[in-house]
Amino acid sequence: MDRQGANQGSGRMHHFGTLLLATALLSHGALAGGNTADSTASTRTEEARALVGRFVGQLKPQLQQAMAAGGPAQAVAVCAEVAPALMDSLSAETGWQVRRVSLQARNAERAEPDAWERAVLQQFAARQAAGTPASQLQQAAVTDGRFRYMQAQGTEGLCLACHGETLSPAVQEALDTHYPDDRATGYQLGEVRGAISLIAPAS
């Protein structure tokens, strides 16, 4: 994309009050143009990626330890306690709003997507079904004075014990206890089961 095309596209989207940053560009860490808005968006994108890495990097080892110690049912209990606390802690520390969202929410109080998140999740699911790995699915936007970033969460082998089509009685009991309104099951390997969603001031 040349500079003229980027500026024309930015102008059209600015007319609607929304700047969407193409996923393809984000995946390569590139943003067209050299103005202040582009520079800020690029910085925010890198901050968001780093924050996603911190969240996953702190949560996943604890889930793996729980799986090793007590199986998937214990991992459900740990996830129910640790994940919300970790999101709240990172939000307080960084000033970003950090949460996980899904079209099939496990925690209805915390994981129901808003309109923008829902549209992005639907796009992620369609792109994954067409062959794009979930790990490559990310989207950013500046809208209503806020910078927003989403990174898809794919269904890995470790996830199937608690999110797959067949659950053990112990896992089902744990889900009933911690997530009585759970809808986050029935996934197959590789499918998008949700996303990490981040929000911060645009400037």
C-alpha atoms as a PDB file:
ATOM      1  CA  MET A   1       0.000   0.000   0.000  1.00  0.00           C
ATOM      2  CA  ASP A   2       1.569   3.376  -1.037  1.00  0.00           C
ATOM      3  CA  ARG A   3       1.402   6.557   1.062  1.00  0.00           C
ATOM      4  CA  GLN A   4      -1.263   8.177  -1.154  1.00  0.00           C
ATOM      5  CA  GLY A   5      -3.544   5.149  -0.927  1.00  0.00           C
ATOM      6  CA  ALA A   6      -3.092   4.981   2.834  1.00  0.00           C
ATOM      7  CA  ASN A   7      -3.941   8.647   3.270  1.00  0.00           C
ATOM      8  CA  GLN A   8      -7.027   8.379   1.059  1.00  0.00           C
ATOM      9  CA  GLY A   9      -8.223   5.324   3.003  1.00  0.00           C
ATOM     10  CA  SER A  10      -7.555   7.061   6.305  1.00  0.00           C
ATOM     11  CA  GLY A  11      -9.573  10.041   5.155  1.00  0.00           C
ATOM     12  CA  ARG A  12     -12.576   7.951   4.228  1.00  0.00           C
ATOM     13  CA  MET A  13     -12.571   6.132   7.548  1.00  0.00           C
ATOM     14  CA  HIS A  14     -12.039   9.389   9.445  1.00  0.00           C
ATOM     15  CA  HIS A  15     -15.243  10.634   7.810  1.00  0.00           C
ATOM     16  CA  PHE A  16     -17.045   7.910   9.743  1.00  0.00           C
ATOM     17  CA  GLY A  17     -15.079   8.589  12.932  1.00  0.00           C
ATOM     18  CA  THR A  18     -13.340   5.207  12.809  1.00  0.00           C
ATOM     19  CA  LEU A  19      -9.846   4.223  11.734  1.00  0.00           C
ATOM     20  CA  LEU A  20      -9.478   0.518  11.038  1.00  0.00           C
ATOM     21  CA  LEU A  21      -5.986  -0.875  10.803  1.00  0.00           C
ATOM     22  CA  ALA A  22      -5.816  -3.814   8.416  1.00  0.00           C
ATOM     23  CA  THR A  23      -5.046  -7.139  10.027  1.00  0.00           C
ATOM     24  CA  ALA A  24      -2.496  -7.904   7.358  1.00  0.00           C
ATOM     25  CA  LEU A  25      -0.561  -4.759   8.217  1.00  0.00           C
ATOM     26  CA  LEU A  26      -0.798  -5.432  11.934  1.00  0.00           C
ATOM     27  CA  SER A  27       0.582  -8.928  11.494  1.00  0.00           C
ATOM     28  CA  HIS A  28       3.753  -7.400  10.045  1.00  0.00           C
ATOM     29  CA  GLY A  29       3.857  -4.531  12.551  1.00  0.00           C
ATOM     30  CA  ALA A  30       3.481  -1.961   9.769  1.00  0.00           C
ATOM     31  CA  LEU A  31       1.275   1.093   9.606  1.00  0.00           C
ATOM     32  CA  ALA A  32       1.167   3.268   6.505  1.00  0.00           C
ATOM     33  CA  GLY A  33       1.735   6.997   6.767  1.00  0.00           C
ATOM     34  CA  GLY A  34       3.910   9.055   9.049  1.00  0.00           C
ATOM     35  CA  ASN A  35       1.510  11.385  10.811  1.00  0.00           C
ATOM     36  CA  THR A  36       0.908  11.596  14.539  1.00  0.00           C
ATOM     37  CA  ALA A  37      -2.230   9.465  14.452  1.00  0.00           C
ATOM     38  CA  ASP A  38      -0.407   6.635  12.687  1.00  0.00           C
ATOM     39  CA  SER A  39       2.512   6.865  15.106  1.00  0.00           C
ATOM     40  CA  THR A  40       0.193   6.711  18.109  1.00  0.00           C
ATOM     41  CA  ALA A  41      -1.733   3.782  16.644  1.00  0.00           C
ATOM     42  CA  SER A  42       1.504   1.920  15.957  1.00  0.00           C
ATOM     43  CA  THR A  43       2.661   2.484  19.528  1.00  0.00           C
ATOM     44  CA  ARG A  44      -0.684   1.367  20.921  1.00  0.00           C
ATOM     45  CA  THR A  45      -0.584  -1.755  18.757  1.00  0.00           C
ATOM     46  CA  GLU A  46       2.812  -2.756  20.104  1.00  0.00           C
ATOM     47  CA  GLU A  47       1.667  -2.072  23.668  1.00  0.00           C
ATOM     48  CA  ALA A  48      -1.405  -4.228  23.113  1.00  0.00           C
ATOM     49  CA  ARG A  49       0.595  -7.105  21.681  1.00  0.00           C
ATOM     50  CA  ALA A  50       2.966  -6.992  24.625  1.00  0.00           C
ATOM     51  CA  LEU A  51       0.072  -6.966  27.077  1.00  0.00           C
ATOM     52  CA  VAL A  52      -1.550  -9.961  25.384  1.00  0.00           C
ATOM     53  CA  GLY A  53       1.774 -11.745  25.701  1.00  0.00           C
ATOM     54  CA  ARG A  54       1.964 -10.956  29.405  1.00  0.00           C
ATOM     55  CA  PHE A  55      -1.564 -12.178  30.057  1.00  0.00           C
ATOM     56  CA  VAL A  56      -1.119 -15.444  28.182  1.00  0.00           C
ATOM     57  CA  GLY A  57       2.374 -15.917  29.546  1.00  0.00           C
ATOM     58  CA  GLN A  58       1.155 -15.679  33.135  1.00  0.00           C
ATOM     59  CA  LEU A  59      -2.108 -17.608  32.790  1.00  0.00           C
ATOM     60  CA  LYS A  60      -1.056 -20.568  30.664  1.00  0.00           C
ATOM     61  CA  PRO A  61       1.653 -21.931  33.002  1.00  0.00           C
ATOM     62  CA  GLN A  62      -0.785 -21.890  35.916  1.00  0.00           C
ATOM     63  CA  LEU A  63      -3.343 -23.820  33.892  1.00  0.00           C
ATOM     64  CA  GLN A  64      -0.686 -26.325  32.863  1.00  0.00           C
ATOM     65  CA  GLN A  65       0.361 -26.780  36.478  1.00  0.00           C
ATOM     66  CA  ALA A  66      -3.252 -27.304  37.517  1.00  0.00           C
ATOM     67  CA  MET A  67      -3.731 -29.855  34.743  1.00  0.00           C
ATOM     68  CA  ALA A  68      -0.634 -31.740  35.872  1.00  0.00           C
ATOM     69  CA  ALA A  69      -1.632 -31.638  39.538  1.00  0.00           C
ATOM     70  CA  GLY A  70      -5.346 -32.381  39.369  1.00  0.00           C
ATOM     71  CA  GLY A  71      -6.451 -32.768  35.783  1.00  0.00           C
ATOM     72  CA  PRO A  72      -8.797 -30.613  33.707  1.00  0.00           C
ATOM     73  CA  ALA A  73     -11.343 -30.177  36.493  1.00  0.00           C
ATOM     74  CA  GLN A  74      -8.742 -28.452  38.656  1.00  0.00           C
ATOM     75  CA  ALA A  75      -7.733 -26.307  35.681  1.00  0.00           C
ATOM     76  CA  VAL A  76     -11.338 -25.110  35.412  1.00  0.00           C
ATOM     77  CA  ALA A  77     -11.272 -24.029  39.051  1.00  0.00           C
ATOM     78  CA  VAL A  78      -7.919 -22.271  38.657  1.00  0.00           C
ATOM     79  CA  CYS A  79      -9.035 -20.506  35.484  1.00  0.00           C
ATOM     80  CA  ALA A  80     -12.213 -19.306  37.187  1.00  0.00           C
ATOM     81  CA  GLU A  81     -10.177 -17.625  39.918  1.00  0.00           C
ATOM     82  CA  VAL A  82      -6.879 -16.696  38.291  1.00  0.00           C
ATOM     83  CA  ALA A  83      -7.955 -15.343  34.897  1.00  0.00           C
ATOM     84  CA  PRO A  84     -10.314 -12.609  36.195  1.00  0.00           C
ATOM     85  CA  ALA A  85      -7.835 -11.584  38.889  1.00  0.00           C
ATOM     86  CA  LEU A  86      -5.021 -11.401  36.349  1.00  0.00           C
ATOM     87  CA  MET A  87      -7.088  -9.291  33.943  1.00  0.00           C
ATOM     88  CA  ASP A  88      -8.047  -6.917  36.748  1.00  0.00           C
ATOM     89  CA  SER A  89      -4.436  -6.661  37.915  1.00  0.00           C
ATOM     90  CA  LEU A  90      -3.094  -5.906  34.436  1.00  0.00           C
ATOM     91  CA  SER A  91      -5.864  -3.380  33.848  1.00  0.00           C
ATOM     92  CA  ALA A  92      -5.054  -1.543  37.081  1.00  0.00           C
ATOM     93  CA  GLU A  93      -1.319  -1.608  36.389  1.00  0.00           C
ATOM     94  CA  THR A  94      -1.365  -0.501  32.745  1.00  0.00           C
ATOM     95  CA  GLY A  95      -4.495   1.607  32.316  1.00  0.00           C
ATOM     96  CA  TRP A  96      -5.760  -0.713  29.591  1.00  0.00           C
ATOM     97  CA  GLN A  97      -9.078  -2.504  29.941  1.00  0.00           C
ATOM     98  CA  VAL A  98      -8.188  -6.173  29.592  1.00  0.00           C
ATOM     99  CA  ARG A  99     -10.783  -8.877  29.089  1.00  0.00           C
ATOM    100  CA  ARG A 100     -11.618 -12.036  27.197  1.00  0.00           C
ATOM    101  CA  VAL A 101     -14.693 -12.239  24.991  1.00  0.00           C
ATOM    102  CA  SER A 102     -16.415 -15.002  23.056  1.00  0.00           C
ATOM    103  CA  LEU A 103     -19.445 -15.655  20.890  1.00  0.00           C
ATOM    104  CA  GLN A 104     -20.005 -18.603  23.251  1.00  0.00           C
ATOM    105  CA  ALA A 105     -19.147 -17.061  26.584  1.00  0.00           C
ATOM    106  CA  ARG A 106     -18.101 -19.176  29.534  1.00  0.00           C
ATOM    107  CA  ASN A 107     -18.458 -16.335  32.027  1.00  0.00           C
ATOM    108  CA  ALA A 108     -21.521 -14.406  30.892  1.00  0.00           C
ATOM    109  CA  GLU A 109     -20.844 -11.510  33.270  1.00  0.00           C
ATOM    110  CA  ARG A 110     -17.356 -10.810  31.925  1.00  0.00           C
ATOM    111  CA  ALA A 111     -17.050 -12.319  28.456  1.00  0.00           C
ATOM    112  CA  GLU A 112     -20.076 -11.147  26.477  1.00  0.00           C
ATOM    113  CA  PRO A 113     -18.805  -9.120  23.494  1.00  0.00           C
ATOM    114  CA  ASP A 114     -20.025  -5.657  22.603  1.00  0.00           C
ATOM    115  CA  ALA A 115     -21.073  -4.847  19.032  1.00  0.00           C
ATOM    116  CA  TRP A 116     -17.549  -4.157  17.762  1.00  0.00           C
ATOM    117  CA  GLU A 117     -16.096  -7.217  19.461  1.00  0.00           C
ATOM    118  CA  ARG A 118     -18.892  -9.412  18.122  1.00  0.00           C
ATOM    119  CA  ALA A 119     -18.257  -8.261  14.551  1.00  0.00           C
ATOM    120  CA  VAL A 120     -14.528  -8.920  14.898  1.00  0.00           C
ATOM    121  CA  LEU A 121     -15.121 -12.354  16.437  1.00  0.00           C
ATOM    122  CA  GLN A 122     -17.387 -13.268  13.535  1.00  0.00           C
ATOM    123  CA  GLN A 123     -14.700 -12.109  11.120  1.00  0.00           C
ATOM    124  CA  PHE A 124     -12.080 -14.141  12.984  1.00  0.00           C
ATOM    125  CA  ALA A 125     -14.237 -17.276  12.820  1.00  0.00           C
ATOM    126  CA  ALA A 126     -14.831 -16.857   9.091  1.00  0.00           C
ATOM    127  CA  ARG A 127     -11.150 -16.307   8.355  1.00  0.00           C
ATOM    128  CA  GLN A 128     -10.109 -19.285  10.469  1.00  0.00           C
ATOM    129  CA  ALA A 129     -12.640 -21.481   8.691  1.00  0.00           C
ATOM    130  CA  ALA A 130     -11.118 -20.298   5.400  1.00  0.00           C
ATOM    131  CA  GLY A 131      -7.680 -21.429   6.507  1.00  0.00           C
ATOM    132  CA  THR A 132      -6.030 -18.627   8.489  1.00  0.00           C
ATOM    133  CA  PRO A 133      -4.575 -19.916  11.791  1.00  0.00           C
ATOM    134  CA  ALA A 134      -6.109 -18.332  14.867  1.00  0.00           C
ATOM    135  CA  SER A 135      -2.668 -17.184  16.009  1.00  0.00           C
ATOM    136  CA  GLN A 136      -2.520 -14.835  13.003  1.00  0.00           C
ATOM    137  CA  LEU A 137      -5.906 -13.210  13.618  1.00  0.00           C
ATOM    138  CA  GLN A 138      -5.778  -9.766  15.153  1.00  0.00           C
ATOM    139  CA  GLN A 139      -7.628  -6.508  14.618  1.00  0.00           C
ATOM    140  CA  ALA A 140      -7.226  -2.926  15.768  1.00  0.00           C
ATOM    141  CA  ALA A 141      -9.348   0.191  15.498  1.00  0.00           C
ATOM    142  CA  VAL A 142      -9.568   3.726  16.791  1.00  0.00           C
ATOM    143  CA  THR A 143     -13.208   4.458  17.466  1.00  0.00           C
ATOM    144  CA  ASP A 144     -15.050   6.891  19.730  1.00  0.00           C
ATOM    145  CA  GLY A 145     -11.759   8.179  21.080  1.00  0.00           C
ATOM    146  CA  ARG A 146     -10.553   4.733  22.120  1.00  0.00           C
ATOM    147  CA  PHE A 147      -7.910   2.421  20.720  1.00  0.00           C
ATOM    148  CA  ARG A 148      -9.157  -1.151  20.521  1.00  0.00           C
ATOM    149  CA  TYR A 149      -7.229  -4.338  19.866  1.00  0.00           C
ATOM    150  CA  MET A 150      -8.282  -7.967  19.686  1.00  0.00           C
ATOM    151  CA  GLN A 151      -6.188 -11.130  19.385  1.00  0.00           C
ATOM    152  CA  ALA A 152      -7.985 -14.378  18.623  1.00  0.00           C
ATOM    153  CA  GLN A 153      -7.679 -17.326  20.980  1.00  0.00           C
ATOM    154  CA  GLY A 154      -7.527 -20.631  19.177  1.00  0.00           C
ATOM    155  CA  THR A 155      -8.531 -24.020  20.528  1.00  0.00           C
ATOM    156  CA  GLU A 156      -5.318 -25.888  21.307  1.00  0.00           C
ATOM    157  CA  GLY A 157      -5.041 -29.514  22.319  1.00  0.00           C
ATOM    158  CA  LEU A 158      -4.849 -28.518  25.983  1.00  0.00           C
ATOM    159  CA  CYS A 159      -8.140 -26.626  25.620  1.00  0.00           C
ATOM    160  CA  LEU A 160     -10.220 -29.549  24.362  1.00  0.00           C
ATOM    161  CA  ALA A 161     -10.589 -31.192  27.764  1.00  0.00           C
ATOM    162  CA  CYS A 162     -12.612 -28.188  28.957  1.00  0.00           C
ATOM    163  CA  HIS A 163     -13.853 -26.677  25.683  1.00  0.00           C
ATOM    164  CA  GLY A 164     -14.228 -29.689  23.391  1.00  0.00           C
ATOM    165  CA  GLU A 165     -17.197 -31.735  22.287  1.00  0.00           C
ATOM    166  CA  THR A 166     -16.746 -34.499  24.867  1.00  0.00           C
ATOM    167  CA  LEU A 167     -16.234 -33.632  28.540  1.00  0.00           C
ATOM    168  CA  SER A 168     -15.522 -35.909  31.470  1.00  0.00           C
ATOM    169  CA  PRO A 169     -18.042 -36.000  34.335  1.00  0.00           C
ATOM    170  CA  ALA A 170     -15.505 -34.273  36.588  1.00  0.00           C
ATOM    171  CA  VAL A 171     -15.029 -31.417  34.125  1.00  0.00           C
ATOM    172  CA  GLN A 172     -18.753 -31.041  33.618  1.00  0.00           C
ATOM    173  CA  GLU A 173     -19.259 -30.867  37.373  1.00  0.00           C
ATOM    174  CA  ALA A 174     -16.551 -28.214  37.682  1.00  0.00           C
ATOM    175  CA  LEU A 175     -18.131 -26.184  34.884  1.00  0.00           C
ATOM    176  CA  ASP A 176     -21.550 -26.444  36.498  1.00  0.00           C
ATOM    177  CA  THR A 177     -20.045 -25.183  39.755  1.00  0.00           C
ATOM    178  CA  HIS A 178     -17.981 -22.284  38.440  1.00  0.00           C
ATOM    179  CA  TYR A 179     -19.846 -21.408  35.244  1.00  0.00           C
ATOM    180  CA  PRO A 180     -23.521 -22.380  35.531  1.00  0.00           C
ATOM    181  CA  ASP A 181     -24.332 -20.514  32.297  1.00  0.00           C
ATOM    182  CA  ASP A 182     -21.385 -21.912  30.347  1.00  0.00           C
ATOM    183  CA  ARG A 183     -21.669 -21.985  26.545  1.00  0.00           C
ATOM    184  CA  ALA A 184     -17.975 -22.395  25.707  1.00  0.00           C
ATOM    185  CA  THR A 185     -17.936 -26.055  24.684  1.00  0.00           C
ATOM    186  CA  GLY A 186     -18.218 -28.017  21.461  1.00  0.00           C
ATOM    187  CA  TYR A 187     -15.060 -26.609  19.878  1.00  0.00           C
ATOM    188  CA  GLN A 188     -12.717 -28.519  17.616  1.00  0.00           C
ATOM    189  CA  LEU A 189      -8.949 -28.250  17.399  1.00  0.00           C
ATOM    190  CA  GLY A 190      -7.860 -24.968  15.813  1.00  0.00           C
ATOM    191  CA  GLU A 191     -11.206 -23.201  15.976  1.00  0.00           C
ATOM    192  CA  VAL A 192     -11.464 -19.654  17.303  1.00  0.00           C
ATOM    193  CA  ARG A 193     -13.091 -19.883  20.724  1.00  0.00           C
ATOM    194  CA  GLY A 194     -12.774 -16.237  21.659  1.00  0.00           C
ATOM    195  CA  ALA A 195     -10.340 -13.355  21.841  1.00  0.00           C
ATOM    196  CA  ILE A 196      -8.402 -11.181  24.223  1.00  0.00           C
ATOM    197  CA  SER A 197      -9.846  -7.679  23.926  1.00  0.00           C
ATOM    198  CA  LEU A 198      -7.976  -4.538  24.981  1.00  0.00           C
ATOM    199  CA  ILE A 199      -9.148  -0.926  25.180  1.00  0.00           C
ATOM    200  CA  ALA A 200      -7.150   2.235  25.918  1.00  0.00           C
ATOM    201  CA  PRO A 201      -7.445   5.962  25.206  1.00  0.00           C
ATOM    202  CA  ALA A 202      -6.574   6.686  21.593  1.00  0.00           C
ATOM    203  CA  SER A 203      -4.035   9.374  22.476  1.00  0.00           C
END
